[in-house]
């Protein structure tokens, strides 16, 4: 508890809470899921190709 060692949980153990009362959504849930799918593919590309991504940047 008092060490500075960080332990990361696997994604299957993550807990996510939707609090729409606190911060309203800026984008639709559908768009959010599409963007996260694109980012996941790009992240995998970067990891596999040593920081080189051959796909176009859809965010620019």
PDB file of N, CA and C in Angstrom:
ATOM      1  N   UNK A   1       0.809  -1.187   0.000  1.00  0.00           N
ATOM      2  CA  UNK A   1       0.000   0.000   0.000  1.00  0.00           C
ATOM      3  C   UNK A   1       0.857   1.257   0.000  1.00  0.00           C
ATOM      4  N   UNK A   2       1.955   1.260   0.714  1.00  0.00           N
ATOM      5  CA  UNK A   2       2.758   2.471   0.837  1.00  0.00           C
ATOM      6  C   UNK A   2       3.925   2.516  -0.145  1.00  0.00           C
ATOM      7  N   UNK A   3       4.040   1.510  -0.994  1.00  0.00           N
ATOM      8  CA  UNK A   3       5.087   1.545  -2.002  1.00  0.00           C
ATOM      9  C   UNK A   3       4.578   2.324  -3.214  1.00  0.00           C
ATOM     10  N   UNK A   4       5.479   2.714  -4.075  1.00  0.00           N
ATOM     11  CA  UNK A   4       5.087   3.449  -5.273  1.00  0.00           C
ATOM     12  C   UNK A   4       4.944   2.517  -6.468  1.00  0.00           C
ATOM     13  N   UNK A   5       4.910   1.236  -6.213  1.00  0.00           N
ATOM     14  CA  UNK A   5       4.763   0.255  -7.275  1.00  0.00           C
ATOM     15  C   UNK A   5       3.335   0.293  -7.817  1.00  0.00           C
ATOM     16  N   UNK A   6       3.227   0.349  -9.137  1.00  0.00           N
ATOM     17  CA  UNK A   6       1.914   0.384  -9.770  1.00  0.00           C
ATOM     18  C   UNK A   6       1.565  -1.001 -10.287  1.00  0.00           C
ATOM     19  N   UNK A   7       0.338  -1.402 -10.054  1.00  0.00           N
ATOM     20  CA  UNK A   7      -0.150  -2.687 -10.533  1.00  0.00           C
ATOM     21  C   UNK A   7      -1.349  -2.403 -11.431  1.00  0.00           C
ATOM     22  N   UNK A   8      -1.278  -2.865 -12.672  1.00  0.00           N
ATOM     23  CA  UNK A   8      -2.358  -2.640 -13.619  1.00  0.00           C
ATOM     24  C   UNK A   8      -3.240  -3.873 -13.688  1.00  0.00           C
ATOM     25  N   UNK A   9      -4.537  -3.643 -13.614  1.00  0.00           N
ATOM     26  CA  UNK A   9      -5.496  -4.736 -13.728  1.00  0.00           C
ATOM     27  C   UNK A   9      -5.744  -5.023 -15.198  1.00  0.00           C
ATOM     28  N   UNK A  10      -6.072  -6.269 -15.534  1.00  0.00           N
ATOM     29  CA  UNK A  10      -6.440  -6.566 -16.927  1.00  0.00           C
ATOM     30  C   UNK A  10      -7.752  -5.857 -17.277  1.00  0.00           C
ATOM     31  N   UNK A  11      -7.950  -5.588 -18.553  1.00  0.00           N
ATOM     32  CA  UNK A  11      -9.120  -4.840 -19.000  1.00  0.00           C
ATOM     33  C   UNK A  11     -10.431  -5.515 -18.588  1.00  0.00           C
ATOM     34  N   UNK A  12     -10.420  -6.815 -18.423  1.00  0.00           N
ATOM     35  CA  UNK A  12     -11.637  -7.535 -18.029  1.00  0.00           C
ATOM     36  C   UNK A  12     -12.065  -7.184 -16.604  1.00  0.00           C
ATOM     37  N   UNK A  13     -11.151  -6.673 -15.790  1.00  0.00           N
ATOM     38  CA  UNK A  13     -11.463  -6.318 -14.405  1.00  0.00           C
ATOM     39  C   UNK A  13     -11.722  -4.821 -14.216  1.00  0.00           C
ATOM     40  N   UNK A  14     -11.673  -4.051 -15.298  1.00  0.00           N
ATOM     41  CA  UNK A  14     -11.931  -2.616 -15.180  1.00  0.00           C
ATOM     42  C   UNK A  14     -13.389  -2.379 -14.809  1.00  0.00           C
ATOM     43  N   UNK A  15     -13.612  -1.321 -14.068  1.00  0.00           N
ATOM     44  CA  UNK A  15     -14.970  -0.923 -13.718  1.00  0.00           C
ATOM     45  C   UNK A  15     -15.210   0.459 -14.311  1.00  0.00           C
ATOM     46  N   UNK A  16     -16.287   0.586 -15.083  1.00  0.00           N
ATOM     47  CA  UNK A  16     -16.608   1.867 -15.688  1.00  0.00           C
ATOM     48  C   UNK A  16     -18.001   2.272 -15.243  1.00  0.00           C
ATOM     49  N   UNK A  17     -18.139   3.542 -14.920  1.00  0.00           N
ATOM     50  CA  UNK A  17     -19.409   4.067 -14.461  1.00  0.00           C
ATOM     51  C   UNK A  17     -19.841   5.204 -15.361  1.00  0.00           C
ATOM     52  N   UNK A  18     -21.093   5.212 -15.730  1.00  0.00           N
ATOM     53  CA  UNK A  18     -21.634   6.313 -16.520  1.00  0.00           C
ATOM     54  C   UNK A  18     -22.343   7.271 -15.566  1.00  0.00           C
ATOM     55  N   UNK A  19     -21.864   8.470 -15.518  1.00  0.00           N
ATOM     56  CA  UNK A  19     -22.474   9.494 -14.683  1.00  0.00           C
ATOM     57  C   UNK A  19     -22.923  10.631 -15.577  1.00  0.00           C
ATOM     58  N   UNK A  20     -24.017  10.446 -16.282  1.00  0.00           N
ATOM     59  CA  UNK A  20     -24.497  11.453 -17.208  1.00  0.00           C
ATOM     60  C   UNK A  20     -25.000  12.696 -16.480  1.00  0.00           C
ATOM     61  N   UNK A  21     -25.290  12.570 -15.203  1.00  0.00           N
ATOM     62  CA  UNK A  21     -25.758  13.728 -14.438  1.00  0.00           C
ATOM     63  C   UNK A  21     -24.630  14.720 -14.190  1.00  0.00           C
ATOM     64  N   UNK A  22     -23.396  14.245 -14.150  1.00  0.00           N
ATOM     65  CA  UNK A  22     -22.266  15.112 -13.823  1.00  0.00           C
ATOM     66  C   UNK A  22     -21.752  15.840 -15.064  1.00  0.00           C
ATOM     67  N   UNK A  23     -21.440  15.098 -16.114  1.00  0.00           N
ATOM     68  CA  UNK A  23     -20.898  15.682 -17.344  1.00  0.00           C
ATOM     69  C   UNK A  23     -21.735  15.191 -18.520  1.00  0.00           C
ATOM     70  N   UNK A  24     -22.384  16.086 -19.227  1.00  0.00           N
ATOM     71  CA  UNK A  24     -23.170  15.633 -20.382  1.00  0.00           C
ATOM     72  C   UNK A  24     -22.259  15.163 -21.517  1.00  0.00           C
ATOM     73  N   UNK A  25     -22.738  14.222 -22.305  1.00  0.00           N
ATOM     74  CA  UNK A  25     -21.953  13.675 -23.407  1.00  0.00           C
ATOM     75  C   UNK A  25     -21.808  14.712 -24.516  1.00  0.00           C
ATOM     76  N   UNK A  26     -20.608  14.819 -25.078  1.00  0.00           N
ATOM     77  CA  UNK A  26     -20.363  15.725 -26.194  1.00  0.00           C
ATOM     78  C   UNK A  26     -20.634  15.054 -27.530  1.00  0.00           C
ATOM     79  N   UNK A  27     -20.544  13.737 -27.565  1.00  0.00           N
ATOM     80  CA  UNK A  27     -20.774  12.966 -28.793  1.00  0.00           C
ATOM     81  C   UNK A  27     -21.708  11.809 -28.467  1.00  0.00           C
ATOM     82  N   UNK A  28     -22.303  11.253 -29.508  1.00  0.00           N
ATOM     83  CA  UNK A  28     -23.211  10.123 -29.305  1.00  0.00           C
ATOM     84  C   UNK A  28     -22.419   8.881 -28.895  1.00  0.00           C
ATOM     85  N   UNK A  29     -23.107   7.956 -28.272  1.00  0.00           N
ATOM     86  CA  UNK A  29     -22.476   6.698 -27.852  1.00  0.00           C
ATOM     87  C   UNK A  29     -21.954   5.925 -29.065  1.00  0.00           C
ATOM     88  N   UNK A  30     -22.705   5.979 -30.172  1.00  0.00           N
ATOM     89  CA  UNK A  30     -22.312   5.277 -31.400  1.00  0.00           C
ATOM     90  C   UNK A  30     -20.998   5.840 -31.949  1.00  0.00           C
ATOM     91  N   UNK A  31     -20.887   7.156 -32.014  1.00  0.00           N
ATOM     92  CA  UNK A  31     -19.656   7.783 -32.498  1.00  0.00           C
ATOM     93  C   UNK A  31     -18.488   7.471 -31.569  1.00  0.00           C
ATOM     94  N   UNK A  32     -18.744   7.491 -30.279  1.00  0.00           N
ATOM     95  CA  UNK A  32     -17.714   7.184 -29.278  1.00  0.00           C
ATOM     96  C   UNK A  32     -17.144   5.776 -29.507  1.00  0.00           C
ATOM     97  N   UNK A  33     -18.023   4.810 -29.753  1.00  0.00           N
ATOM     98  CA  UNK A  33     -17.583   3.437 -29.984  1.00  0.00           C
ATOM     99  C   UNK A  33     -16.786   3.320 -31.285  1.00  0.00           C
ATOM    100  N   UNK A  34     -17.221   4.023 -32.343  1.00  0.00           N
ATOM    101  CA  UNK A  34     -16.499   3.984 -33.615  1.00  0.00           C
ATOM    102  C   UNK A  34     -15.096   4.555 -33.463  1.00  0.00           C
ATOM    103  N   UNK A  35     -14.976   5.675 -32.785  1.00  0.00           N
ATOM    104  CA  UNK A  35     -13.663   6.309 -32.590  1.00  0.00           C
ATOM    105  C   UNK A  35     -12.756   5.411 -31.770  1.00  0.00           C
ATOM    106  N   UNK A  36     -13.282   4.798 -30.723  1.00  0.00           N
ATOM    107  CA  UNK A  36     -12.464   3.909 -29.909  1.00  0.00           C
ATOM    108  C   UNK A  36     -12.003   2.694 -30.695  1.00  0.00           C
ATOM    109  N   UNK A  37     -12.827   2.212 -31.622  1.00  0.00           N
ATOM    110  CA  UNK A  37     -12.420   1.083 -32.471  1.00  0.00           C
ATOM    111  C   UNK A  37     -11.266   1.488 -33.383  1.00  0.00           C
ATOM    112  N   UNK A  38     -11.341   2.695 -33.961  1.00  0.00           N
ATOM    113  CA  UNK A  38     -10.254   3.197 -34.812  1.00  0.00           C
ATOM    114  C   UNK A  38      -8.981   3.347 -34.003  1.00  0.00           C
ATOM    115  N   UNK A  39      -9.087   3.918 -32.809  1.00  0.00           N
ATOM    116  CA  UNK A  39      -7.906   4.101 -31.959  1.00  0.00           C
ATOM    117  C   UNK A  39      -7.295   2.766 -31.542  1.00  0.00           C
ATOM    118  N   UNK A  40      -8.117   1.763 -31.309  1.00  0.00           N
ATOM    119  CA  UNK A  40      -7.603   0.441 -30.932  1.00  0.00           C
ATOM    120  C   UNK A  40      -6.801  -0.170 -32.080  1.00  0.00           C
ATOM    121  N   UNK A  41      -7.296  -0.023 -33.305  1.00  0.00           N
ATOM    122  CA  UNK A  41      -6.576  -0.552 -34.474  1.00  0.00           C
ATOM    123  C   UNK A  41      -5.257   0.186 -34.649  1.00  0.00           C
ATOM    124  N   UNK A  42      -5.275   1.504 -34.533  1.00  0.00           N
ATOM    125  CA  UNK A  42      -4.049   2.290 -34.684  1.00  0.00           C
ATOM    126  C   UNK A  42      -3.044   1.940 -33.585  1.00  0.00           C
ATOM    127  N   UNK A  43      -3.531   1.736 -32.379  1.00  0.00           N
ATOM    128  CA  UNK A  43      -2.649   1.376 -31.275  1.00  0.00           C
ATOM    129  C   UNK A  43      -1.971   0.037 -31.537  1.00  0.00           C
ATOM    130  N   UNK A  44      -2.730  -0.912 -32.030  1.00  0.00           N
ATOM    131  CA  UNK A  44      -2.175  -2.225 -32.359  1.00  0.00           C
ATOM    132  C   UNK A  44      -1.139  -2.100 -33.473  1.00  0.00           C
ATOM    133  N   UNK A  45      -1.415  -1.272 -34.482  1.00  0.00           N
ATOM    134  CA  UNK A  45      -0.460  -1.035 -35.567  1.00  0.00           C
ATOM    135  C   UNK A  45       0.861  -0.492 -35.029  1.00  0.00           C
ATOM    136  N   UNK A  46       0.769   0.484 -34.154  1.00  0.00           N
ATOM    137  CA  UNK A  46       1.975   1.115 -33.609  1.00  0.00           C
ATOM    138  C   UNK A  46       2.775   0.099 -32.795  1.00  0.00           C
ATOM    139  N   UNK A  47       2.095  -0.699 -31.999  1.00  0.00           N
ATOM    140  CA  UNK A  47       2.794  -1.693 -31.181  1.00  0.00           C
ATOM    141  C   UNK A  47       3.489  -2.742 -32.048  1.00  0.00           C
ATOM    142  N   UNK A  48       2.854  -3.146 -33.136  1.00  0.00           N
ATOM    143  CA  UNK A  48       3.414  -4.192 -33.980  1.00  0.00           C
ATOM    144  C   UNK A  48       4.478  -3.677 -34.940  1.00  0.00           C
ATOM    145  N   UNK A  49       4.432  -2.417 -35.298  1.00  0.00           N
ATOM    146  CA  UNK A  49       5.358  -1.885 -36.303  1.00  0.00           C
ATOM    147  C   UNK A  49       6.373  -0.924 -35.719  1.00  0.00           C
ATOM    148  N   UNK A  50       6.649  -1.028 -34.451  1.00  0.00           N
ATOM    149  CA  UNK A  50       7.666  -0.216 -33.788  1.00  0.00           C
ATOM    150  C   UNK A  50       7.431   1.276 -34.014  1.00  0.00           C
ATOM    151  N   UNK A  51       6.285   1.756 -33.579  1.00  0.00           N
ATOM    152  CA  UNK A  51       5.903   3.165 -33.606  1.00  0.00           C
ATOM    153  C   UNK A  51       5.670   3.732 -35.001  1.00  0.00           C
ATOM    154  N   UNK A  52       5.360   2.886 -35.992  1.00  0.00           N
ATOM    155  CA  UNK A  52       5.035   3.356 -37.336  1.00  0.00           C
ATOM    156  C   UNK A  52       3.617   2.911 -37.661  1.00  0.00           C
ATOM    157  N   UNK A  53       2.788   3.837 -38.051  1.00  0.00           N
ATOM    158  CA  UNK A  53       1.410   3.522 -38.404  1.00  0.00           C
ATOM    159  C   UNK A  53       1.208   3.809 -39.883  1.00  0.00           C
ATOM    160  N   UNK A  54       0.734   2.815 -40.624  1.00  0.00           N
ATOM    161  CA  UNK A  54       0.555   2.959 -42.062  1.00  0.00           C
ATOM    162  C   UNK A  54      -0.873   3.307 -42.452  1.00  0.00           C
ATOM    163  N   UNK A  55      -1.736   3.544 -41.514  1.00  0.00           N
ATOM    164  CA  UNK A  55      -3.125   3.889 -41.809  1.00  0.00           C
ATOM    165  C   UNK A  55      -3.282   5.411 -41.774  1.00  0.00           C
ATOM    166  N   UNK A  56      -4.222   5.962 -42.536  1.00  0.00           N
ATOM    167  CA  UNK A  56      -4.414   7.410 -42.522  1.00  0.00           C
ATOM    168  C   UNK A  56      -4.949   7.893 -41.164  1.00  0.00           C
ATOM    169  N   UNK A  57      -4.586   9.093 -40.801  1.00  0.00           N
ATOM    170  CA  UNK A  57      -5.050   9.668 -39.553  1.00  0.00           C
ATOM    171  C   UNK A  57      -6.446  10.227 -39.755  1.00  0.00           C
ATOM    172  N   UNK A  58      -7.448   9.584 -39.202  1.00  0.00           N
ATOM    173  CA  UNK A  58      -8.827  10.004 -39.379  1.00  0.00           C
ATOM    174  C   UNK A  58      -9.216  11.126 -38.434  1.00  0.00           C
ATOM    175  N   UNK A  59      -8.368  11.451 -37.472  1.00  0.00           N
ATOM    176  CA  UNK A  59      -8.685  12.483 -36.494  1.00  0.00           C
ATOM    177  C   UNK A  59      -8.275  13.879 -36.939  1.00  0.00           C
ATOM    178  N   UNK A  60      -7.455  13.971 -37.962  1.00  0.00           N
ATOM    179  CA  UNK A  60      -6.961  15.280 -38.402  1.00  0.00           C
ATOM    180  C   UNK A  60      -7.892  15.933 -39.379  1.00  0.00           C
TER     181      UNK A  60
END
